[in-house]
């Protein structure tokens, strides 16, 4: 299952998450997010969680990683 990163403005993307968020799928999504943020220099990432099939502690841990990833990429881009 692919997860598109949809631009809604020049510096804002929305990431709709559907189904179950497995570790393997999370890795692929993270790669997509990092690549897209690097290319677009996006400032904001909106997570649409309305389609998630399950929501547990592992899911929550994975989702909080997106914030850290975005901060790290933005910090790297400034240097």
PDB file of N, CA and C in Angstrom:
ATOM      1  N   UNK A   1       0.843  -1.167   0.000  1.00  0.00           N
ATOM      2  CA  UNK A   1       0.000   0.000   0.000  1.00  0.00           C
ATOM      3  C   UNK A   1       0.897   1.242   0.000  1.00  0.00           C
ATOM      4  N   UNK A   2       0.721   2.096  -0.993  1.00  0.00           N
ATOM      5  CA  UNK A   2       1.521   3.306  -1.046  1.00  0.00           C
ATOM      6  C   UNK A   2       0.859   4.405  -0.215  1.00  0.00           C
ATOM      7  N   UNK A   3       1.664   5.356   0.183  1.00  0.00           N
ATOM      8  CA  UNK A   3       1.167   6.494   0.954  1.00  0.00           C
ATOM      9  C   UNK A   3       1.662   7.756   0.285  1.00  0.00           C
ATOM     10  N   UNK A   4       0.760   8.460  -0.403  1.00  0.00           N
ATOM     11  CA  UNK A   4       1.194   9.672  -1.108  1.00  0.00           C
ATOM     12  C   UNK A   4       1.419  10.840  -0.149  1.00  0.00           C
ATOM     13  N   UNK A   5       2.396  11.633  -0.453  1.00  0.00           N
ATOM     14  CA  UNK A   5       2.638  12.878   0.269  1.00  0.00           C
ATOM     15  C   UNK A   5       2.103  13.974  -0.647  1.00  0.00           C
ATOM     16  N   UNK A   6       1.026  14.614  -0.230  1.00  0.00           N
ATOM     17  CA  UNK A   6       0.291  15.527  -1.098  1.00  0.00           C
ATOM     18  C   UNK A   6       0.613  16.980  -0.746  1.00  0.00           C
ATOM     19  N   UNK A   7       1.148  17.738  -1.723  1.00  0.00           N
ATOM     20  CA  UNK A   7       1.396  19.162  -1.449  1.00  0.00           C
ATOM     21  C   UNK A   7       0.069  19.918  -1.440  1.00  0.00           C
ATOM     22  N   UNK A   8      -0.134  20.736  -0.406  1.00  0.00           N
ATOM     23  CA  UNK A   8      -1.354  21.552  -0.387  1.00  0.00           C
ATOM     24  C   UNK A   8      -1.027  23.040  -0.497  1.00  0.00           C
ATOM     25  N   UNK A   9       0.204  23.412  -0.201  1.00  0.00           N
ATOM     26  CA  UNK A   9       0.742  24.739  -0.497  1.00  0.00           C
ATOM     27  C   UNK A   9       2.213  24.541  -0.826  1.00  0.00           C
ATOM     28  N   UNK A  10       2.896  25.626  -1.111  1.00  0.00           N
ATOM     29  CA  UNK A  10       4.308  25.530  -1.477  1.00  0.00           C
ATOM     30  C   UNK A  10       5.162  24.904  -0.370  1.00  0.00           C
ATOM     31  N   UNK A  11       4.791  25.146   0.889  1.00  0.00           N
ATOM     32  CA  UNK A  11       5.627  24.662   1.987  1.00  0.00           C
ATOM     33  C   UNK A  11       4.882  23.736   2.952  1.00  0.00           C
ATOM     34  N   UNK A  12       3.734  23.206   2.532  1.00  0.00           N
ATOM     35  CA  UNK A  12       2.926  22.352   3.403  1.00  0.00           C
ATOM     36  C   UNK A  12       2.477  21.103   2.650  1.00  0.00           C
ATOM     37  N   UNK A  13       2.669  19.958   3.288  1.00  0.00           N
ATOM     38  CA  UNK A  13       2.232  18.681   2.726  1.00  0.00           C
ATOM     39  C   UNK A  13       1.268  18.004   3.694  1.00  0.00           C
ATOM     40  N   UNK A  14       0.404  17.159   3.137  1.00  0.00           N
ATOM     41  CA  UNK A  14      -0.466  16.333   3.976  1.00  0.00           C
ATOM     42  C   UNK A  14      -0.112  14.875   3.688  1.00  0.00           C
ATOM     43  N   UNK A  15      -0.045  14.097   4.742  1.00  0.00           N
ATOM     44  CA  UNK A  15       0.282  12.681   4.640  1.00  0.00           C
ATOM     45  C   UNK A  15      -0.909  11.876   5.152  1.00  0.00           C
ATOM     46  N   UNK A  16      -1.754  11.387   4.230  1.00  0.00           N
ATOM     47  CA  UNK A  16      -2.891  10.569   4.660  1.00  0.00           C
ATOM     48  C   UNK A  16      -2.429   9.146   4.970  1.00  0.00           C
ATOM     49  N   UNK A  17      -2.715   8.677   6.158  1.00  0.00           N
ATOM     50  CA  UNK A  17      -2.328   7.320   6.552  1.00  0.00           C
ATOM     51  C   UNK A  17      -3.572   6.447   6.622  1.00  0.00           C
ATOM     52  N   UNK A  18      -3.534   5.334   5.870  1.00  0.00           N
ATOM     53  CA  UNK A  18      -4.661   4.401   5.809  1.00  0.00           C
ATOM     54  C   UNK A  18      -4.181   3.003   6.134  1.00  0.00           C
ATOM     55  N   UNK A  19      -5.062   2.218   6.723  1.00  0.00           N
ATOM     56  CA  UNK A  19      -4.726   0.836   7.030  1.00  0.00           C
ATOM     57  C   UNK A  19      -3.881   0.726   8.286  1.00  0.00           C
ATOM     58  N   UNK A  20      -3.054  -0.323   8.328  1.00  0.00           N
ATOM     59  CA  UNK A  20      -2.193  -0.558   9.485  1.00  0.00           C
ATOM     60  C   UNK A  20      -0.790  -0.043   9.217  1.00  0.00           C
ATOM     61  N   UNK A  21      -0.171   0.490  10.225  1.00  0.00           N
ATOM     62  CA  UNK A  21       1.176   1.062  10.102  1.00  0.00           C
ATOM     63  C   UNK A  21       2.183   0.059  10.656  1.00  0.00           C
ATOM     64  N   UNK A  22       2.671  -0.817   9.774  1.00  0.00           N
ATOM     65  CA  UNK A  22       3.677  -1.801  10.167  1.00  0.00           C
ATOM     66  C   UNK A  22       5.048  -1.141  10.181  1.00  0.00           C
ATOM     67  N   UNK A  23       6.027  -1.795  10.779  1.00  0.00           N
ATOM     68  CA  UNK A  23       7.387  -1.266  10.815  1.00  0.00           C
ATOM     69  C   UNK A  23       7.938  -1.085   9.403  1.00  0.00           C
ATOM     70  N   UNK A  24       7.710  -2.065   8.536  1.00  0.00           N
ATOM     71  CA  UNK A  24       8.205  -2.000   7.153  1.00  0.00           C
ATOM     72  C   UNK A  24       7.551  -0.828   6.411  1.00  0.00           C
ATOM     73  N   UNK A  25       6.262  -0.680   6.570  1.00  0.00           N
ATOM     74  CA  UNK A  25       5.555   0.414   5.909  1.00  0.00           C
ATOM     75  C   UNK A  25       6.006   1.762   6.469  1.00  0.00           C
ATOM     76  N   UNK A  26       6.226   1.823   7.776  1.00  0.00           N
ATOM     77  CA  UNK A  26       6.687   3.065   8.376  1.00  0.00           C
ATOM     78  C   UNK A  26       8.044   3.479   7.807  1.00  0.00           C
ATOM     79  N   UNK A  27       8.943   2.516   7.597  1.00  0.00           N
ATOM     80  CA  UNK A  27      10.253   2.816   7.015  1.00  0.00           C
ATOM     81  C   UNK A  27      10.103   3.422   5.622  1.00  0.00           C
ATOM     82  N   UNK A  28       9.235   2.841   4.803  1.00  0.00           N
ATOM     83  CA  UNK A  28       9.019   3.353   3.449  1.00  0.00           C
ATOM     84  C   UNK A  28       8.420   4.754   3.488  1.00  0.00           C
ATOM     85  N   UNK A  29       7.468   4.971   4.377  1.00  0.00           N
ATOM     86  CA  UNK A  29       6.836   6.284   4.508  1.00  0.00           C
ATOM     87  C   UNK A  29       7.876   7.309   4.952  1.00  0.00           C
ATOM     88  N   UNK A  30       8.718   6.936   5.906  1.00  0.00           N
ATOM     89  CA  UNK A  30       9.753   7.842   6.398  1.00  0.00           C
ATOM     90  C   UNK A  30      10.711   8.241   5.273  1.00  0.00           C
ATOM     91  N   UNK A  31      11.100   7.284   4.443  1.00  0.00           N
ATOM     92  CA  UNK A  31      11.962   7.593   3.299  1.00  0.00           C
ATOM     93  C   UNK A  31      11.288   8.586   2.363  1.00  0.00           C
ATOM     94  N   UNK A  32      10.004   8.390   2.105  1.00  0.00           N
ATOM     95  CA  UNK A  32       9.247   9.298   1.244  1.00  0.00           C
ATOM     96  C   UNK A  32       9.193  10.695   1.849  1.00  0.00           C
ATOM     97  N   UNK A  33       8.925  10.766   3.148  1.00  0.00           N
ATOM     98  CA  UNK A  33       8.832  12.059   3.834  1.00  0.00           C
ATOM     99  C   UNK A  33      10.177  12.786   3.785  1.00  0.00           C
ATOM    100  N   UNK A  34      11.261  12.102   4.101  1.00  0.00           N
ATOM    101  CA  UNK A  34      12.588  12.723   4.092  1.00  0.00           C
ATOM    102  C   UNK A  34      12.925  13.237   2.695  1.00  0.00           C
ATOM    103  N   UNK A  35      12.712  12.414   1.699  1.00  0.00           N
ATOM    104  CA  UNK A  35      13.012  12.802   0.322  1.00  0.00           C
ATOM    105  C   UNK A  35      12.185  14.015  -0.098  1.00  0.00           C
ATOM    106  N   UNK A  36      10.908  13.991   0.191  1.00  0.00           N
ATOM    107  CA  UNK A  36      10.026  15.090  -0.210  1.00  0.00           C
ATOM    108  C   UNK A  36      10.365  16.382   0.511  1.00  0.00           C
ATOM    109  N   UNK A  37      10.686  16.294   1.793  1.00  0.00           N
ATOM    110  CA  UNK A  37      11.049  17.495   2.545  1.00  0.00           C
ATOM    111  C   UNK A  37      12.361  18.066   2.015  1.00  0.00           C
ATOM    112  N   UNK A  38      13.305  17.199   1.682  1.00  0.00           N
ATOM    113  CA  UNK A  38      14.580  17.655   1.123  1.00  0.00           C
ATOM    114  C   UNK A  38      14.383  18.379  -0.205  1.00  0.00           C
ATOM    115  N   UNK A  39      13.557  17.825  -1.060  1.00  0.00           N
ATOM    116  CA  UNK A  39      13.337  18.402  -2.387  1.00  0.00           C
ATOM    117  C   UNK A  39      12.532  19.690  -2.300  1.00  0.00           C
ATOM    118  N   UNK A  40      11.474  19.682  -1.525  1.00  0.00           N
ATOM    119  CA  UNK A  40      10.539  20.807  -1.511  1.00  0.00           C
ATOM    120  C   UNK A  40      10.867  21.868  -0.473  1.00  0.00           C
ATOM    121  N   UNK A  41      11.676  21.477   0.509  1.00  0.00           N
ATOM    122  CA  UNK A  41      11.971  22.357   1.647  1.00  0.00           C
ATOM    123  C   UNK A  41      10.681  22.738   2.387  1.00  0.00           C
ATOM    124  N   UNK A  42       9.797  21.771   2.515  1.00  0.00           N
ATOM    125  CA  UNK A  42       8.530  21.984   3.208  1.00  0.00           C
ATOM    126  C   UNK A  42       8.761  22.345   4.671  1.00  0.00           C
ATOM    127  N   UNK A  43       7.921  23.218   5.174  1.00  0.00           N
ATOM    128  CA  UNK A  43       7.989  23.623   6.573  1.00  0.00           C
ATOM    129  C   UNK A  43       6.995  22.873   7.448  1.00  0.00           C
ATOM    130  N   UNK A  44       5.927  22.353   6.830  1.00  0.00           N
ATOM    131  CA  UNK A  44       4.859  21.731   7.611  1.00  0.00           C
ATOM    132  C   UNK A  44       4.458  20.399   7.006  1.00  0.00           C
ATOM    133  N   UNK A  45       4.170  19.456   7.891  1.00  0.00           N
ATOM    134  CA  UNK A  45       3.661  18.147   7.492  1.00  0.00           C
ATOM    135  C   UNK A  45       2.421  17.866   8.337  1.00  0.00           C
ATOM    136  N   UNK A  46       1.292  17.747   7.677  1.00  0.00           N
ATOM    137  CA  UNK A  46       0.033  17.456   8.363  1.00  0.00           C
ATOM    138  C   UNK A  46      -0.236  15.963   8.228  1.00  0.00           C
ATOM    139  N   UNK A  47      -0.432  15.304   9.344  1.00  0.00           N
ATOM    140  CA  UNK A  47      -0.738  13.871   9.336  1.00  0.00           C
ATOM    141  C   UNK A  47      -2.246  13.672   9.426  1.00  0.00           C
ATOM    142  N   UNK A  48      -2.818  12.989   8.436  1.00  0.00           N
ATOM    143  CA  UNK A  48      -4.237  12.648   8.453  1.00  0.00           C
ATOM    144  C   UNK A  48      -4.343  11.219   8.968  1.00  0.00           C
ATOM    145  N   UNK A  49      -4.767  11.083  10.214  1.00  0.00           N
ATOM    146  CA  UNK A  49      -4.822   9.766  10.866  1.00  0.00           C
ATOM    147  C   UNK A  49      -6.198   9.114  10.767  1.00  0.00           C
ATOM    148  N   UNK A  50      -7.116   9.741  10.079  1.00  0.00           N
ATOM    149  CA  UNK A  50      -8.501   9.257  10.055  1.00  0.00           C
ATOM    150  C   UNK A  50      -8.650   7.876   9.425  1.00  0.00           C
ATOM    151  N   UNK A  51      -7.702   7.457   8.598  1.00  0.00           N
ATOM    152  CA  UNK A  51      -7.827   6.162   7.939  1.00  0.00           C
ATOM    153  C   UNK A  51      -7.008   5.049   8.558  1.00  0.00           C
ATOM    154  N   UNK A  52      -6.351   5.309   9.684  1.00  0.00           N
ATOM    155  CA  UNK A  52      -5.557   4.254  10.319  1.00  0.00           C
ATOM    156  C   UNK A  52      -6.453   3.133  10.820  1.00  0.00           C
ATOM    157  N   UNK A  53      -6.034   1.898  10.522  1.00  0.00           N
ATOM    158  CA  UNK A  53      -6.815   0.740  10.943  1.00  0.00           C
ATOM    159  C   UNK A  53      -6.628   0.414  12.416  1.00  0.00           C
ATOM    160  N   UNK A  54      -5.413   0.521  12.881  1.00  0.00           N
ATOM    161  CA  UNK A  54      -5.129   0.270  14.291  1.00  0.00           C
ATOM    162  C   UNK A  54      -4.307   1.421  14.833  1.00  0.00           C
ATOM    163  N   UNK A  55      -4.442   1.641  16.107  1.00  0.00           N
ATOM    164  CA  UNK A  55      -3.686   2.707  16.751  1.00  0.00           C
ATOM    165  C   UNK A  55      -3.256   2.185  18.108  1.00  0.00           C
ATOM    166  N   UNK A  56      -1.963   1.928  18.252  1.00  0.00           N
ATOM    167  CA  UNK A  56      -1.446   1.402  19.509  1.00  0.00           C
ATOM    168  C   UNK A  56      -0.160   2.142  19.873  1.00  0.00           C
ATOM    169  N   UNK A  57       0.519   1.665  20.888  1.00  0.00           N
ATOM    170  CA  UNK A  57       1.731   2.327  21.361  1.00  0.00           C
ATOM    171  C   UNK A  57       2.812   2.392  20.279  1.00  0.00           C
ATOM    172  N   UNK A  58       2.963   1.324  19.500  1.00  0.00           N
ATOM    173  CA  UNK A  58       3.953   1.321  18.421  1.00  0.00           C
ATOM    174  C   UNK A  58       3.607   2.347  17.351  1.00  0.00           C
ATOM    175  N   UNK A  59       2.331   2.472  17.043  1.00  0.00           N
ATOM    176  CA  UNK A  59       1.888   3.455  16.059  1.00  0.00           C
ATOM    177  C   UNK A  59       2.199   4.855  16.547  1.00  0.00           C
ATOM    178  N   UNK A  60       1.888   5.126  17.792  1.00  0.00           N
ATOM    179  CA  UNK A  60       2.144   6.438  18.369  1.00  0.00           C
ATOM    180  C   UNK A  60       3.635   6.763  18.350  1.00  0.00           C
ATOM    181  N   UNK A  61       4.461   5.798  18.696  1.00  0.00           N
ATOM    182  CA  UNK A  61       5.911   5.991  18.683  1.00  0.00           C
ATOM    183  C   UNK A  61       6.397   6.309  17.268  1.00  0.00           C
ATOM    184  N   UNK A  62       5.878   5.593  16.283  1.00  0.00           N
ATOM    185  CA  UNK A  62       6.266   5.831  14.894  1.00  0.00           C
ATOM    186  C   UNK A  62       5.859   7.227  14.441  1.00  0.00           C
ATOM    187  N   UNK A  63       4.667   7.639  14.794  1.00  0.00           N
ATOM    188  CA  UNK A  63       4.169   8.937  14.358  1.00  0.00           C
ATOM    189  C   UNK A  63       4.951  10.095  14.965  1.00  0.00           C
ATOM    190  N   UNK A  64       5.363   9.954  16.202  1.00  0.00           N
ATOM    191  CA  UNK A  64       6.139  11.031  16.826  1.00  0.00           C
ATOM    192  C   UNK A  64       7.515  11.162  16.175  1.00  0.00           C
ATOM    193  N   UNK A  65       7.978  10.117  15.536  1.00  0.00           N
ATOM    194  CA  UNK A  65       9.261  10.155  14.835  1.00  0.00           C
ATOM    195  C   UNK A  65       9.214  11.142  13.668  1.00  0.00           C
ATOM    196  N   UNK A  66       8.046  11.301  13.029  1.00  0.00           N
ATOM    197  CA  UNK A  66       7.943  12.233  11.904  1.00  0.00           C
ATOM    198  C   UNK A  66       8.358  13.643  12.302  1.00  0.00           C
ATOM    199  N   UNK A  67       7.980  14.059  13.470  1.00  0.00           N
ATOM    200  CA  UNK A  67       8.344  15.393  13.940  1.00  0.00           C
ATOM    201  C   UNK A  67       9.854  15.511  14.068  1.00  0.00           C
ATOM    202  N   UNK A  68      10.480  14.504  14.639  1.00  0.00           N
ATOM    203  CA  UNK A  68      11.936  14.507  14.789  1.00  0.00           C
ATOM    204  C   UNK A  68      12.636  14.492  13.438  1.00  0.00           C
ATOM    205  N   UNK A  69      12.106  13.720  12.516  1.00  0.00           N
ATOM    206  CA  UNK A  69      12.690  13.633  11.178  1.00  0.00           C
ATOM    207  C   UNK A  69      12.623  14.993  10.496  1.00  0.00           C
ATOM    208  N   UNK A  70      11.464  15.639  10.570  1.00  0.00           N
ATOM    209  CA  UNK A  70      11.315  16.937   9.916  1.00  0.00           C
ATOM    210  C   UNK A  70      12.265  17.966  10.528  1.00  0.00           C
ATOM    211  N   UNK A  71      12.389  17.980  11.837  1.00  0.00           N
ATOM    212  CA  UNK A  71      13.296  18.918  12.497  1.00  0.00           C
ATOM    213  C   UNK A  71      14.748  18.662  12.092  1.00  0.00           C
ATOM    214  N   UNK A  72      15.142  17.403  12.009  1.00  0.00           N
ATOM    215  CA  UNK A  72      16.508  17.067  11.641  1.00  0.00           C
ATOM    216  C   UNK A  72      16.803  17.480  10.198  1.00  0.00           C
ATOM    217  N   UNK A  73      15.878  17.220   9.314  1.00  0.00           N
ATOM    218  CA  UNK A  73      16.085  17.582   7.903  1.00  0.00           C
ATOM    219  C   UNK A  73      16.166  19.093   7.762  1.00  0.00           C
ATOM    220  N   UNK A  74      15.281  19.823   8.424  1.00  0.00           N
ATOM    221  CA  UNK A  74      15.292  21.293   8.332  1.00  0.00           C
ATOM    222  C   UNK A  74      16.592  21.850   8.910  1.00  0.00           C
ATOM    223  N   UNK A  75      17.078  21.261   9.990  1.00  0.00           N
ATOM    224  CA  UNK A  75      18.337  21.699  10.598  1.00  0.00           C
ATOM    225  C   UNK A  75      19.498  21.468   9.631  1.00  0.00           C
ATOM    226  N   UNK A  76      19.496  20.317   8.969  1.00  0.00           N
ATOM    227  CA  UNK A  76      20.541  19.987   8.013  1.00  0.00           C
ATOM    228  C   UNK A  76      20.514  20.944   6.827  1.00  0.00           C
ATOM    229  N   UNK A  77      19.315  21.319   6.375  1.00  0.00           N
ATOM    230  CA  UNK A  77      19.185  22.206   5.215  1.00  0.00           C
ATOM    231  C   UNK A  77      19.734  23.598   5.517  1.00  0.00           C
ATOM    232  N   UNK A  78      19.691  24.034   6.768  1.00  0.00           N
ATOM    233  CA  UNK A  78      20.172  25.368   7.125  1.00  0.00           C
ATOM    234  C   UNK A  78      21.688  25.453   7.040  1.00  0.00           C
ATOM    235  N   UNK A  79      22.378  24.314   7.196  1.00  0.00           N
ATOM    236  CA  UNK A  79      23.853  24.303   7.167  1.00  0.00           C
ATOM    237  C   UNK A  79      24.394  24.218   5.778  1.00  0.00           C
TER     238      UNK A  79
END
